[in-house]
Amino acid sequence: QVQLVESGGGSVQAGGSLRLSCATSGLTFSRYGMAWFRQAPGKEREFVATITWSGGFPYYADSVKGRFTISRDNAKNTAALEMNSLKPEDTGVYYCAVRLGYYSGASNAHDYNYWGQGTQVTVSL
C-alpha cells in the first residue's frame, strides 16, 4: 500500500519560513520523480516544485522561485520543501506527489499517480 504523508505545515507571519516533509512508504521512492503542489481556497491545485529521481534538475513555479527549495533523501524515502520569505499568497494546502514509472518530474498534476493528504500552510500579514 502506497502512502505519502506530509507534515510541517502551520501558521506563520509574512516573511517567515516553514519546512514541509513528505514521508513515503509502499513504493521504491528512489526510482521516481516527485513534486509539490498547493491548493488555495476556491482555486485549482497548482504546481509548486518538482525534482527528478536523483534529486537533480529542480524546477519551480515562477511564483516561488528563489524562495522555495525542493529536495529529497532517497535513503530515508522522504522529500522536503523549504519555504522562505513566505507571503500571504502562499497560503493553501500543500501536497506531495509521486510520478510512478518516470525518473523525471513534471509540472502537470495529471502526471502524478500518488498523492498525500496535504498539510495546511497559512501565512498572515
PDB file of N, CA and C in Angstrom:
ATOM      1  N   GLN A   1       0.845  -1.197   0.000  1.00  0.00           N
ATOM      2  CA  GLN A   1       0.000   0.000   0.000  1.00  0.00           C
ATOM      3  C   GLN A   1       0.879   1.244   0.000  1.00  0.00           C
ATOM      4  N   VAL A   2       0.690   2.045  -1.018  1.00  0.00           N
ATOM      5  CA  VAL A   2       1.486   3.267  -1.137  1.00  0.00           C
ATOM      6  C   VAL A   2       0.909   4.346  -0.235  1.00  0.00           C
ATOM      7  N   GLN A   3       1.794   4.980   0.509  1.00  0.00           N
ATOM      8  CA  GLN A   3       1.368   6.092   1.355  1.00  0.00           C
ATOM      9  C   GLN A   3       2.345   7.247   1.242  1.00  0.00           C
ATOM     10  N   LEU A   4       1.796   8.445   1.161  1.00  0.00           N
ATOM     11  CA  LEU A   4       2.575   9.670   1.213  1.00  0.00           C
ATOM     12  C   LEU A   4       1.970  10.509   2.334  1.00  0.00           C
ATOM     13  N   VAL A   5       2.800  10.939   3.251  1.00  0.00           N
ATOM     14  CA  VAL A   5       2.310  11.686   4.405  1.00  0.00           C
ATOM     15  C   VAL A   5       3.099  12.973   4.542  1.00  0.00           C
ATOM     16  N   GLU A   6       2.398  14.092   4.377  1.00  0.00           N
ATOM     17  CA  GLU A   6       3.032  15.395   4.533  1.00  0.00           C
ATOM     18  C   GLU A   6       2.972  15.849   5.997  1.00  0.00           C
ATOM     19  N   SER A   7       3.930  16.642   6.366  1.00  0.00           N
ATOM     20  CA  SER A   7       3.948  17.241   7.704  1.00  0.00           C
ATOM     21  C   SER A   7       4.733  18.546   7.643  1.00  0.00           C
ATOM     22  N   GLY A   8       4.630  19.327   8.709  1.00  0.00           N
ATOM     23  CA  GLY A   8       5.412  20.546   8.798  1.00  0.00           C
ATOM     24  C   GLY A   8       4.652  21.824   8.508  1.00  0.00           C
ATOM     25  N   GLY A   9       3.391  21.688   8.131  1.00  0.00           N
ATOM     26  CA  GLY A   9       2.604  22.889   7.879  1.00  0.00           C
ATOM     27  C   GLY A   9       2.321  23.646   9.165  1.00  0.00           C
ATOM     28  N   GLY A  10       1.761  24.826   9.021  1.00  0.00           N
ATOM     29  CA  GLY A  10       1.430  25.624  10.186  1.00  0.00           C
ATOM     30  C   GLY A  10       1.086  27.039   9.799  1.00  0.00           C
ATOM     31  N   SER A  11       1.019  27.898  10.803  1.00  0.00           N
ATOM     32  CA  SER A  11       0.697  29.306  10.592  1.00  0.00           C
ATOM     33  C   SER A  11       1.921  30.155  10.888  1.00  0.00           C
ATOM     34  N   VAL A  12       2.265  31.021   9.957  1.00  0.00           N
ATOM     35  CA  VAL A  12       3.415  31.902  10.130  1.00  0.00           C
ATOM     36  C   VAL A  12       3.061  33.290   9.635  1.00  0.00           C
ATOM     37  N   GLN A  13       3.851  34.247  10.061  1.00  0.00           N
ATOM     38  CA  GLN A  13       3.683  35.599   9.554  1.00  0.00           C
ATOM     39  C   GLN A  13       4.455  35.761   8.256  1.00  0.00           C
ATOM     40  N   ALA A  14       4.029  36.724   7.476  1.00  0.00           N
ATOM     41  CA  ALA A  14       4.720  37.012   6.221  1.00  0.00           C
ATOM     42  C   ALA A  14       6.207  37.256   6.490  1.00  0.00           C
ATOM     43  N   GLY A  15       7.031  36.691   5.625  1.00  0.00           N
ATOM     44  CA  GLY A  15       8.471  36.788   5.807  1.00  0.00           C
ATOM     45  C   GLY A  15       9.074  35.612   6.538  1.00  0.00           C
ATOM     46  N   GLY A  16       8.225  34.794   7.126  1.00  0.00           N
ATOM     47  CA  GLY A  16       8.683  33.651   7.888  1.00  0.00           C
ATOM     48  C   GLY A  16       9.026  32.455   7.016  1.00  0.00           C
ATOM     49  N   SER A  17       9.374  31.358   7.679  1.00  0.00           N
ATOM     50  CA  SER A  17       9.801  30.147   6.977  1.00  0.00           C
ATOM     51  C   SER A  17       9.104  28.923   7.545  1.00  0.00           C
ATOM     52  N   LEU A  18       8.962  27.936   6.697  1.00  0.00           N
ATOM     53  CA  LEU A  18       8.468  26.622   7.090  1.00  0.00           C
ATOM     54  C   LEU A  18       9.205  25.580   6.277  1.00  0.00           C
ATOM     55  N   ARG A  19       9.308  24.386   6.847  1.00  0.00           N
ATOM     56  CA  ARG A  19       9.887  23.269   6.118  1.00  0.00           C
ATOM     57  C   ARG A  19       8.876  22.136   6.123  1.00  0.00           C
ATOM     58  N   LEU A  20       8.405  21.779   4.940  1.00  0.00           N
ATOM     59  CA  LEU A  20       7.467  20.670   4.783  1.00  0.00           C
ATOM     60  C   LEU A  20       8.239  19.390   4.507  1.00  0.00           C
ATOM     61  N   SER A  21       7.705  18.291   5.008  1.00  0.00           N
ATOM     62  CA  SER A  21       8.281  16.980   4.752  1.00  0.00           C
ATOM     63  C   SER A  21       7.235  16.057   4.155  1.00  0.00           C
ATOM     64  N   CYS A  22       7.707  15.121   3.358  1.00  0.00           N
ATOM     65  CA  CYS A  22       6.845  14.121   2.751  1.00  0.00           C
ATOM     66  C   CYS A  22       7.486  12.757   2.999  1.00  0.00           C
ATOM     67  N   ALA A  23       6.847  11.943   3.807  1.00  0.00           N
ATOM     68  CA  ALA A  23       7.337  10.595   4.094  1.00  0.00           C
ATOM     69  C   ALA A  23       6.586   9.601   3.226  1.00  0.00           C
ATOM     70  N   THR A  24       7.316   8.751   2.537  1.00  0.00           N
ATOM     71  CA  THR A  24       6.681   7.792   1.641  1.00  0.00           C
ATOM     72  C   THR A  24       6.924   6.360   2.105  1.00  0.00           C
ATOM     73  N   SER A  25       6.010   5.483   1.731  1.00  0.00           N
ATOM     74  CA  SER A  25       6.158   4.062   2.011  1.00  0.00           C
ATOM     75  C   SER A  25       5.362   3.275   0.989  1.00  0.00           C
ATOM     76  N   GLY A  26       5.730   1.998   0.837  1.00  0.00           N
ATOM     77  CA  GLY A  26       4.996   1.133  -0.075  1.00  0.00           C
ATOM     78  C   GLY A  26       5.402   1.234  -1.526  1.00  0.00           C
ATOM     79  N   LEU A  27       6.460   1.995  -1.807  1.00  0.00           N
ATOM     80  CA  LEU A  27       6.957   2.099  -3.178  1.00  0.00           C
ATOM     81  C   LEU A  27       8.459   2.345  -3.143  1.00  0.00           C
ATOM     82  N   THR A  28       9.107   2.096  -4.268  1.00  0.00           N
ATOM     83  CA  THR A  28      10.548   2.351  -4.370  1.00  0.00           C
ATOM     84  C   THR A  28      10.726   3.818  -4.745  1.00  0.00           C
ATOM     85  N   PHE A  29      10.666   4.636  -3.737  1.00  0.00           N
ATOM     86  CA  PHE A  29      10.639   6.092  -3.922  1.00  0.00           C
ATOM     87  C   PHE A  29      11.809   6.581  -4.766  1.00  0.00           C
ATOM     88  N   SER A  30      12.971   5.960  -4.603  1.00  0.00           N
ATOM     89  CA  SER A  30      14.186   6.442  -5.255  1.00  0.00           C
ATOM     90  C   SER A  30      14.147   6.321  -6.773  1.00  0.00           C
ATOM     91  N   ARG A  31      13.163   5.639  -7.320  1.00  0.00           N
ATOM     92  CA  ARG A  31      13.091   5.442  -8.759  1.00  0.00           C
ATOM     93  C   ARG A  31      12.289   6.511  -9.484  1.00  0.00           C
ATOM     94  N   TYR A  32      11.562   7.348  -8.760  1.00  0.00           N
ATOM     95  CA  TYR A  32      10.552   8.180  -9.400  1.00  0.00           C
ATOM     96  C   TYR A  32      10.708   9.672  -9.117  1.00  0.00           C
ATOM     97  N   GLY A  33      10.287  10.443 -10.107  1.00  0.00           N
ATOM     98  CA  GLY A  33      10.192  11.874  -9.898  1.00  0.00           C
ATOM     99  C   GLY A  33       9.070  12.205  -8.926  1.00  0.00           C
ATOM    100  N   MET A  34       9.192  13.355  -8.297  1.00  0.00           N
ATOM    101  CA  MET A  34       8.156  13.769  -7.366  1.00  0.00           C
ATOM    102  C   MET A  34       7.980  15.285  -7.428  1.00  0.00           C
ATOM    103  N   ALA A  35       6.945  15.752  -6.800  1.00  0.00           N
ATOM    104  CA  ALA A  35       6.658  17.189  -6.860  1.00  0.00           C
ATOM    105  C   ALA A  35       5.841  17.627  -5.654  1.00  0.00           C
ATOM    106  N   TRP A  36       5.792  18.931  -5.492  1.00  0.00           N
ATOM    107  CA  TRP A  36       4.899  19.570  -4.530  1.00  0.00           C
ATOM    108  C   TRP A  36       3.902  20.427  -5.306  1.00  0.00           C
ATOM    109  N   PHE A  37       2.658  20.355  -4.874  1.00  0.00           N
ATOM    110  CA  PHE A  37       1.594  21.194  -5.402  1.00  0.00           C
ATOM    111  C   PHE A  37       0.910  21.873  -4.221  1.00  0.00           C
ATOM    112  N   ARG A  38       0.090  22.865  -4.521  1.00  0.00           N
ATOM    113  CA  ARG A  38      -0.680  23.511  -3.457  1.00  0.00           C
ATOM    114  C   ARG A  38      -2.032  23.916  -3.995  1.00  0.00           C
ATOM    115  N   GLN A  39      -2.964  24.075  -3.066  1.00  0.00           N
ATOM    116  CA  GLN A  39      -4.306  24.490  -3.449  1.00  0.00           C
ATOM    117  C   GLN A  39      -4.835  25.490  -2.428  1.00  0.00           C
ATOM    118  N   ALA A  40      -5.123  26.676  -2.915  1.00  0.00           N
ATOM    119  CA  ALA A  40      -5.710  27.713  -2.082  1.00  0.00           C
ATOM    120  C   ALA A  40      -7.228  27.588  -2.107  1.00  0.00           C
ATOM    121  N   PRO A  41      -7.916  28.094  -1.093  1.00  0.00           N
ATOM    122  CA  PRO A  41      -9.377  28.013  -1.061  1.00  0.00           C
ATOM    123  C   PRO A  41     -10.000  28.629  -2.313  1.00  0.00           C
ATOM    124  N   GLY A  42     -10.877  27.874  -2.935  1.00  0.00           N
ATOM    125  CA  GLY A  42     -11.567  28.373  -4.112  1.00  0.00           C
ATOM    126  C   GLY A  42     -10.752  28.378  -5.392  1.00  0.00           C
ATOM    127  N   LYS A  43      -9.559  27.837  -5.328  1.00  0.00           N
ATOM    128  CA  LYS A  43      -8.694  27.821  -6.515  1.00  0.00           C
ATOM    129  C   LYS A  43      -8.320  26.396  -6.883  1.00  0.00           C
ATOM    130  N   GLU A  44      -7.841  26.244  -8.101  1.00  0.00           N
ATOM    131  CA  GLU A  44      -7.393  24.934  -8.548  1.00  0.00           C
ATOM    132  C   GLU A  44      -6.019  24.613  -7.957  1.00  0.00           C
ATOM    133  N   ARG A  45      -5.740  23.325  -7.914  1.00  0.00           N
ATOM    134  CA  ARG A  45      -4.428  22.893  -7.454  1.00  0.00           C
ATOM    135  C   ARG A  45      -3.367  23.403  -8.429  1.00  0.00           C
ATOM    136  N   GLU A  46      -2.267  23.930  -7.891  1.00  0.00           N
ATOM    137  CA  GLU A  46      -1.230  24.479  -8.751  1.00  0.00           C
ATOM    138  C   GLU A  46       0.131  23.895  -8.411  1.00  0.00           C
ATOM    139  N   PHE A  47       0.946  23.835  -9.425  1.00  0.00           N
ATOM    140  CA  PHE A  47       2.300  23.314  -9.313  1.00  0.00           C
ATOM    141  C   PHE A  47       3.173  24.248  -8.499  1.00  0.00           C
ATOM    142  N   VAL A  48       4.046  23.670  -7.663  1.00  0.00           N
ATOM    143  CA  VAL A  48       4.988  24.455  -6.872  1.00  0.00           C
ATOM    144  C   VAL A  48       6.424  24.139  -7.267  1.00  0.00           C
ATOM    145  N   ALA A  49       6.792  22.856  -7.201  1.00  0.00           N
ATOM    146  CA  ALA A  49       8.181  22.476  -7.498  1.00  0.00           C
ATOM    147  C   ALA A  49       8.235  20.988  -7.798  1.00  0.00           C
ATOM    148  N   THR A  50       9.248  20.604  -8.586  1.00  0.00           N
ATOM    149  CA  THR A  50       9.438  19.203  -8.907  1.00  0.00           C
ATOM    150  C   THR A  50      10.922  18.873  -8.940  1.00  0.00           C
ATOM    151  N   ILE A  51      11.230  17.576  -8.847  1.00  0.00           N
ATOM    152  CA  ILE A  51      12.617  17.131  -8.790  1.00  0.00           C
ATOM    153  C   ILE A  51      12.702  15.722  -9.370  1.00  0.00           C
ATOM    154  N   THR A  52      13.824  15.377  -9.969  1.00  0.00           N
ATOM    155  CA  THR A  52      13.972  14.046 -10.552  1.00  0.00           C
ATOM    156  C   THR A  52      14.251  12.997  -9.479  1.00  0.00           C
ATOM    157  N   TRP A  53      14.324  11.768  -9.912  1.00  0.00           N
ATOM    158  CA  TRP A  53      14.529  10.639  -9.007  1.00  0.00           C
ATOM    159  C   TRP A  53      15.806  10.789  -8.186  1.00  0.00           C
ATOM    160  N   SER A  54      16.816  11.398  -8.770  1.00  0.00           N
ATOM    161  CA  SER A  54      18.120  11.502  -8.111  1.00  0.00           C
ATOM    162  C   SER A  54      18.268  12.782  -7.303  1.00  0.00           C
ATOM    163  N   GLY A  55      17.297  13.646  -7.391  1.00  0.00           N
ATOM    164  CA  GLY A  55      17.416  14.929  -6.716  1.00  0.00           C
ATOM    165  C   GLY A  55      17.942  16.029  -7.618  1.00  0.00           C
ATOM    166  N   GLY A  56      18.135  15.717  -8.881  1.00  0.00           N
ATOM    167  CA  GLY A  56      18.648  16.706  -9.811  1.00  0.00           C
ATOM    168  C   GLY A  56      17.534  17.494 -10.490  1.00  0.00           C
ATOM    169  N   PHE A  57      17.968  18.509 -11.226  1.00  0.00           N
ATOM    170  CA  PHE A  57      17.066  19.313 -12.056  1.00  0.00           C
ATOM    171  C   PHE A  57      15.829  19.801 -11.317  1.00  0.00           C
ATOM    172  N   PRO A  58      16.000  20.464 -10.181  1.00  0.00           N
ATOM    173  CA  PRO A  58      14.828  21.057  -9.540  1.00  0.00           C
ATOM    174  C   PRO A  58      14.230  22.133 -10.428  1.00  0.00           C
ATOM    175  N   TYR A  59      12.903  22.168 -10.425  1.00  0.00           N
ATOM    176  CA  TYR A  59      12.193  23.126 -11.279  1.00  0.00           C
ATOM    177  C   TYR A  59      11.067  23.730 -10.458  1.00  0.00           C
ATOM    178  N   TYR A  60      10.924  25.048 -10.544  1.00  0.00           N
ATOM    179  CA  TYR A  60       9.987  25.749  -9.676  1.00  0.00           C
ATOM    180  C   TYR A  60       8.992  26.591 -10.463  1.00  0.00           C
ATOM    181  N   ALA A  61       7.842  26.772  -9.866  1.00  0.00           N
ATOM    182  CA  ALA A  61       6.907  27.753 -10.396  1.00  0.00           C
ATOM    183  C   ALA A  61       7.535  29.131 -10.226  1.00  0.00           C
ATOM    184  N   ASP A  62       7.243  30.023 -11.136  1.00  0.00           N
ATOM    185  CA  ASP A  62       7.819  31.365 -11.073  1.00  0.00           C
ATOM    186  C   ASP A  62       7.476  32.061  -9.756  1.00  0.00           C
ATOM    187  N   SER A  63       6.318  31.751  -9.232  1.00  0.00           N
ATOM    188  CA  SER A  63       5.847  32.440  -8.029  1.00  0.00           C
ATOM    189  C   SER A  63       6.659  32.089  -6.780  1.00  0.00           C
ATOM    190  N   VAL A  64       7.396  30.976  -6.819  1.00  0.00           N
ATOM    191  CA  VAL A  64       8.154  30.558  -5.633  1.00  0.00           C
ATOM    192  C   VAL A  64       9.660  30.512  -5.888  1.00  0.00           C
ATOM    193  N   LYS A  65      10.064  30.751  -7.112  1.00  0.00           N
ATOM    194  CA  LYS A  65      11.476  30.664  -7.470  1.00  0.00           C
ATOM    195  C   LYS A  65      12.298  31.637  -6.634  1.00  0.00           C
ATOM    196  N   GLY A  66      13.395  31.132  -6.085  1.00  0.00           N
ATOM    197  CA  GLY A  66      14.254  31.957  -5.255  1.00  0.00           C
ATOM    198  C   GLY A  66      13.866  31.973  -3.793  1.00  0.00           C
ATOM    199  N   ARG A  67      12.676  31.460  -3.480  1.00  0.00           N
ATOM    200  CA  ARG A  67      12.218  31.439  -2.085  1.00  0.00           C
ATOM    201  C   ARG A  67      12.054  30.012  -1.553  1.00  0.00           C
ATOM    202  N   PHE A  68      11.689  29.077  -2.431  1.00  0.00           N
ATOM    203  CA  PHE A  68      11.450  27.689  -2.029  1.00  0.00           C
ATOM    204  C   PHE A  68      12.569  26.810  -2.569  1.00  0.00           C
ATOM    205  N   THR A  69      12.865  25.736  -1.827  1.00  0.00           N
ATOM    206  CA  THR A  69      13.851  24.765  -2.256  1.00  0.00           C
ATOM    207  C   THR A  69      13.296  23.362  -2.059  1.00  0.00           C
ATOM    208  N   ILE A  70      13.281  22.588  -3.136  1.00  0.00           N
ATOM    209  CA  ILE A  70      12.824  21.210  -3.072  1.00  0.00           C
ATOM    210  C   ILE A  70      14.027  20.292  -2.938  1.00  0.00           C
ATOM    211  N   SER A  71      13.869  19.219  -2.170  1.00  0.00           N
ATOM    212  CA  SER A  71      14.963  18.267  -2.004  1.00  0.00           C
ATOM    213  C   SER A  71      14.375  16.897  -1.677  1.00  0.00           C
ATOM    214  N   ARG A  72      15.233  15.885  -1.699  1.00  0.00           N
ATOM    215  CA  ARG A  72      14.783  14.548  -1.348  1.00  0.00           C
ATOM    216  C   ARG A  72      15.933  13.769  -0.735  1.00  0.00           C
ATOM    217  N   ASP A  73      15.591  12.802   0.094  1.00  0.00           N
ATOM    218  CA  ASP A  73      16.566  11.912   0.699  1.00  0.00           C
ATOM    219  C   ASP A  73      16.097  10.496   0.404  1.00  0.00           C
ATOM    220  N   ASN A  74      16.640   9.908  -0.642  1.00  0.00           N
ATOM    221  CA  ASN A  74      16.165   8.590  -1.075  1.00  0.00           C
ATOM    222  C   ASN A  74      16.483   7.493  -0.057  1.00  0.00           C
ATOM    223  N   ALA A  75      17.531   7.696   0.718  1.00  0.00           N
ATOM    224  CA  ALA A  75      17.864   6.703   1.742  1.00  0.00           C
ATOM    225  C   ALA A  75      16.784   6.627   2.818  1.00  0.00           C
ATOM    226  N   LYS A  76      16.089   7.740   3.015  1.00  0.00           N
ATOM    227  CA  LYS A  76      15.028   7.794   4.028  1.00  0.00           C
ATOM    228  C   LYS A  76      13.630   7.798   3.415  1.00  0.00           C
ATOM    229  N   ASN A  77      13.575   7.733   2.081  1.00  0.00           N
ATOM    230  CA  ASN A  77      12.280   7.754   1.378  1.00  0.00           C
ATOM    231  C   ASN A  77      11.460   8.990   1.710  1.00  0.00           C
ATOM    232  N   THR A  78      12.142  10.101   1.783  1.00  0.00           N
ATOM    233  CA  THR A  78      11.463  11.341   2.124  1.00  0.00           C
ATOM    234  C   THR A  78      11.811  12.451   1.137  1.00  0.00           C
ATOM    235  N   ALA A  79      10.977  13.458   1.132  1.00  0.00           N
ATOM    236  CA  ALA A  79      11.226  14.669   0.358  1.00  0.00           C
ATOM    237  C   ALA A  79      10.894  15.859   1.238  1.00  0.00           C
ATOM    238  N   ALA A  80      11.383  17.013   0.836  1.00  0.00           N
ATOM    239  CA  ALA A  80      11.162  18.206   1.637  1.00  0.00           C
ATOM    240  C   ALA A  80      10.939  19.407   0.740  1.00  0.00           C
ATOM    241  N   LEU A  81      10.301  20.397   1.310  1.00  0.00           N
ATOM    242  CA  LEU A  81      10.127  21.688   0.640  1.00  0.00           C
ATOM    243  C   LEU A  81      10.437  22.766   1.673  1.00  0.00           C
ATOM    244  N   GLU A  82      11.561  23.414   1.486  1.00  0.00           N
ATOM    245  CA  GLU A  82      11.964  24.505   2.359  1.00  0.00           C
ATOM    246  C   GLU A  82      11.370  25.786   1.799  1.00  0.00           C
ATOM    247  N   MET A  83      10.594  26.491   2.634  1.00  0.00           N
ATOM    248  CA  MET A  83       9.891  27.685   2.176  1.00  0.00           C
ATOM    249  C   MET A  83      10.338  28.883   3.000  1.00  0.00           C
ATOM    250  N   ASN A  84      10.925  29.854   2.335  1.00  0.00           N
ATOM    251  CA  ASN A  84      11.409  31.070   2.992  1.00  0.00           C
ATOM    252  C   ASN A  84      10.687  32.285   2.425  1.00  0.00           C
ATOM    253  N   SER A  85      10.804  33.391   3.129  1.00  0.00           N
ATOM    254  CA  SER A  85      10.184  34.652   2.697  1.00  0.00           C
ATOM    255  C   SER A  85       8.730  34.438   2.309  1.00  0.00           C
ATOM    256  N   LEU A  86       8.005  33.757   3.156  1.00  0.00           N
ATOM    257  CA  LEU A  86       6.623  33.400   2.840  1.00  0.00           C
ATOM    258  C   LEU A  86       5.738  34.629   2.716  1.00  0.00           C
ATOM    259  N   LYS A  87       4.777  34.527   1.805  1.00  0.00           N
ATOM    260  CA  LYS A  87       3.836  35.600   1.522  1.00  0.00           C
ATOM    261  C   LYS A  87       2.415  35.103   1.777  1.00  0.00           C
ATOM    262  N   PRO A  88       1.472  35.990   2.020  1.00  0.00           N
ATOM    263  CA  PRO A  88       0.083  35.556   2.219  1.00  0.00           C
ATOM    264  C   PRO A  88      -0.436  34.731   1.047  1.00  0.00           C
ATOM    265  N   GLU A  89       0.004  35.029  -0.146  1.00  0.00           N
ATOM    266  CA  GLU A  89      -0.450  34.278  -1.321  1.00  0.00           C
ATOM    267  C   GLU A  89       0.113  32.864  -1.376  1.00  0.00           C
ATOM    268  N   ASP A  90       1.002  32.512  -0.478  1.00  0.00           N
ATOM    269  CA  ASP A  90       1.490  31.138  -0.382  1.00  0.00           C
ATOM    270  C   ASP A  90       0.548  30.267   0.442  1.00  0.00           C
ATOM    271  N   THR A  91      -0.457  30.851   1.020  1.00  0.00           N
ATOM    272  CA  THR A  91      -1.425  30.110   1.837  1.00  0.00           C
ATOM    273  C   THR A  91      -2.149  29.055   1.023  1.00  0.00           C
ATOM    274  N   GLY A  92      -2.286  27.873   1.607  1.00  0.00           N
ATOM    275  CA  GLY A  92      -3.006  26.797   0.947  1.00  0.00           C
ATOM    276  C   GLY A  92      -2.656  25.458   1.553  1.00  0.00           C
ATOM    277  N   VAL A  93      -3.255  24.422   0.999  1.00  0.00           N
ATOM    278  CA  VAL A  93      -2.913  23.059   1.384  1.00  0.00           C
ATOM    279  C   VAL A  93      -1.827  22.581   0.430  1.00  0.00           C
ATOM    280  N   TYR A  94      -0.748  22.089   0.991  1.00  0.00           N
ATOM    281  CA  TYR A  94       0.393  21.628   0.206  1.00  0.00           C
ATOM    282  C   TYR A  94       0.397  20.104   0.140  1.00  0.00           C
ATOM    283  N   TYR A  95       0.570  19.604  -1.076  1.00  0.00           N
ATOM    284  CA  TYR A  95       0.558  18.168  -1.325  1.00  0.00           C
ATOM    285  C   TYR A  95       1.873  17.724  -1.949  1.00  0.00           C
ATOM    286  N   CYS A  96       2.362  16.557  -1.546  1.00  0.00           N
ATOM    287  CA  CYS A  96       3.454  15.941  -2.289  1.00  0.00           C
ATOM    288  C   CYS A  96       2.855  14.848  -3.174  1.00  0.00           C
ATOM    289  N   ALA A  97       3.541  14.595  -4.262  1.00  0.00           N
ATOM    290  CA  ALA A  97       3.039  13.632  -5.234  1.00  0.00           C
ATOM    291  C   ALA A  97       4.204  12.894  -5.872  1.00  0.00           C
ATOM    292  N   VAL A  98       3.966  11.652  -6.247  1.00  0.00           N
ATOM    293  CA  VAL A  98       4.982  10.815  -6.888  1.00  0.00           C
ATOM    294  C   VAL A  98       4.519  10.418  -8.276  1.00  0.00           C
ATOM    295  N   ARG A  99       5.446  10.474  -9.212  1.00  0.00           N
ATOM    296  CA  ARG A  99       5.157  10.162 -10.608  1.00  0.00           C
ATOM    297  C   ARG A  99       5.653   8.756 -10.918  1.00  0.00           C
ATOM    298  N   LEU A 100       4.791   7.780 -10.702  1.00  0.00           N
ATOM    299  CA  LEU A 100       5.174   6.393 -10.872  1.00  0.00           C
ATOM    300  C   LEU A 100       5.586   6.104 -12.309  1.00  0.00           C
ATOM    301  N   GLY A 101       6.708   5.402 -12.453  1.00  0.00           N
ATOM    302  CA  GLY A 101       7.146   4.967 -13.772  1.00  0.00           C
ATOM    303  C   GLY A 101       8.048   5.943 -14.505  1.00  0.00           C
ATOM    304  N   TYR A 102       8.324   7.090 -13.907  1.00  0.00           N
ATOM    305  CA  TYR A 102       9.154   8.102 -14.558  1.00  0.00           C
ATOM    306  C   TYR A 102      10.260   8.572 -13.620  1.00  0.00           C
ATOM    307  N   TYR A 103      11.473   8.674 -14.171  1.00  0.00           N
ATOM    308  CA  TYR A 103      12.578   9.200 -13.386  1.00  0.00           C
ATOM    309  C   TYR A 103      12.464  10.721 -13.233  1.00  0.00           C
ATOM    310  N   SER A 104      11.868  11.359 -14.197  1.00  0.00           N
ATOM    311  CA  SER A 104      11.799  12.813 -14.179  1.00  0.00           C
ATOM    312  C   SER A 104      10.544  13.292 -13.472  1.00  0.00           C
ATOM    313  N   GLY A 105      10.545  14.575 -13.127  1.00  0.00           N
ATOM    314  CA  GLY A 105       9.356  15.186 -12.570  1.00  0.00           C
ATOM    315  C   GLY A 105       8.545  15.825 -13.672  1.00  0.00           C
ATOM    316  N   ALA A 106       7.467  16.469 -13.286  1.00  0.00           N
ATOM    317  CA  ALA A 106       6.589  17.158 -14.227  1.00  0.00           C
ATOM    318  C   ALA A 106       5.810  18.219 -13.472  1.00  0.00           C
ATOM    319  N   SER A 107       5.285  19.184 -14.222  1.00  0.00           N
ATOM    320  CA  SER A 107       4.561  20.271 -13.577  1.00  0.00           C
ATOM    321  C   SER A 107       3.051  20.129 -13.691  1.00  0.00           C
ATOM    322  N   ASN A 108       2.595  19.087 -14.368  1.00  0.00           N
ATOM    323  CA  ASN A 108       1.163  18.864 -14.539  1.00  0.00           C
ATOM    324  C   ASN A 108       0.674  17.845 -13.518  1.00  0.00           C
ATOM    325  N   ALA A 109      -0.333  18.215 -12.764  1.00  0.00           N
ATOM    326  CA  ALA A 109      -0.834  17.325 -11.717  1.00  0.00           C
ATOM    327  C   ALA A 109      -1.326  15.997 -12.272  1.00  0.00           C
ATOM    328  N   HIS A 110      -1.783  15.992 -13.505  1.00  0.00           N
ATOM    329  CA  HIS A 110      -2.310  14.758 -14.098  1.00  0.00           C
ATOM    330  C   HIS A 110      -1.210  13.717 -14.345  1.00  0.00           C
ATOM    331  N   ASP A 111       0.038  14.125 -14.280  1.00  0.00           N
ATOM    332  CA  ASP A 111       1.148  13.197 -14.497  1.00  0.00           C
ATOM    333  C   ASP A 111       1.503  12.404 -13.249  1.00  0.00           C
ATOM    334  N   TYR A 112       0.844  12.665 -12.142  1.00  0.00           N
ATOM    335  CA  TYR A 112       1.195  12.038 -10.871  1.00  0.00           C
ATOM    336  C   TYR A 112       0.152  11.014 -10.445  1.00  0.00           C
ATOM    337  N   ASN A 113       0.665   9.907  -9.919  1.00  0.00           N
ATOM    338  CA  ASN A 113      -0.196   8.781  -9.590  1.00  0.00           C
ATOM    339  C   ASN A 113      -0.582   8.734  -8.118  1.00  0.00           C
ATOM    340  N   TYR A 114       0.331   9.176  -7.259  1.00  0.00           N
ATOM    341  CA  TYR A 114       0.089   9.056  -5.827  1.00  0.00           C
ATOM    342  C   TYR A 114       0.236  10.423  -5.160  1.00  0.00           C
ATOM    343  N   TRP A 115      -0.666  10.664  -4.229  1.00  0.00           N
ATOM    344  CA  TRP A 115      -0.732  11.949  -3.540  1.00  0.00           C
ATOM    345  C   TRP A 115      -0.844  11.734  -2.032  1.00  0.00           C
ATOM    346  N   GLY A 116      -0.313  12.693  -1.308  1.00  0.00           N
ATOM    347  CA  GLY A 116      -0.526  12.700   0.130  1.00  0.00           C
ATOM    348  C   GLY A 116      -1.847  13.375   0.453  1.00  0.00           C
ATOM    349  N   GLN A 117      -2.133  13.450   1.737  1.00  0.00           N
ATOM    350  CA  GLN A 117      -3.412  14.026   2.175  1.00  0.00           C
ATOM    351  C   GLN A 117      -3.337  15.548   2.310  1.00  0.00           C
ATOM    352  N   GLY A 118      -2.127  16.074   2.289  1.00  0.00           N
ATOM    353  CA  GLY A 118      -1.940  17.517   2.348  1.00  0.00           C
ATOM    354  C   GLY A 118      -1.654  18.039   3.741  1.00  0.00           C
ATOM    355  N   THR A 119      -0.986  19.177   3.783  1.00  0.00           N
ATOM    356  CA  THR A 119      -0.711  19.860   5.043  1.00  0.00           C
ATOM    357  C   THR A 119      -0.980  21.350   4.838  1.00  0.00           C
ATOM    358  N   GLN A 120      -1.668  21.964   5.800  1.00  0.00           N
ATOM    359  CA  GLN A 120      -2.101  23.347   5.661  1.00  0.00           C
ATOM    360  C   GLN A 120      -0.971  24.312   5.990  1.00  0.00           C
ATOM    361  N   VAL A 121      -0.804  25.293   5.119  1.00  0.00           N
ATOM    362  CA  VAL A 121       0.123  26.402   5.353  1.00  0.00           C
ATOM    363  C   VAL A 121      -0.674  27.690   5.314  1.00  0.00           C
ATOM    364  N   THR A 122      -0.573  28.473   6.377  1.00  0.00           N
ATOM    365  CA  THR A 122      -1.284  29.744   6.449  1.00  0.00           C
ATOM    366  C   THR A 122      -0.291  30.852   6.749  1.00  0.00           C
ATOM    367  N   VAL A 123      -0.242  31.843   5.859  1.00  0.00           N
ATOM    368  CA  VAL A 123       0.680  32.961   6.013  1.00  0.00           C
ATOM    369  C   VAL A 123      -0.137  34.229   6.205  1.00  0.00           C
ATOM    370  N   SER A 124       0.091  34.916   7.308  1.00  0.00           N
ATOM    371  CA  SER A 124      -0.659  36.130   7.617  1.00  0.00           C
ATOM    372  C   SER A 124       0.242  37.352   7.596  1.00  0.00           C
ATOM    373  N   LEU A 125      -0.383  38.492   7.417  1.00  0.00           N
ATOM    374  CA  LEU A 125       0.379  39.741   7.384  1.00  0.00           C
ATOM    375  C   LEU A 125       0.817  40.152   8.782  1.00  0.00           C
TER     376      LEU A 125
END
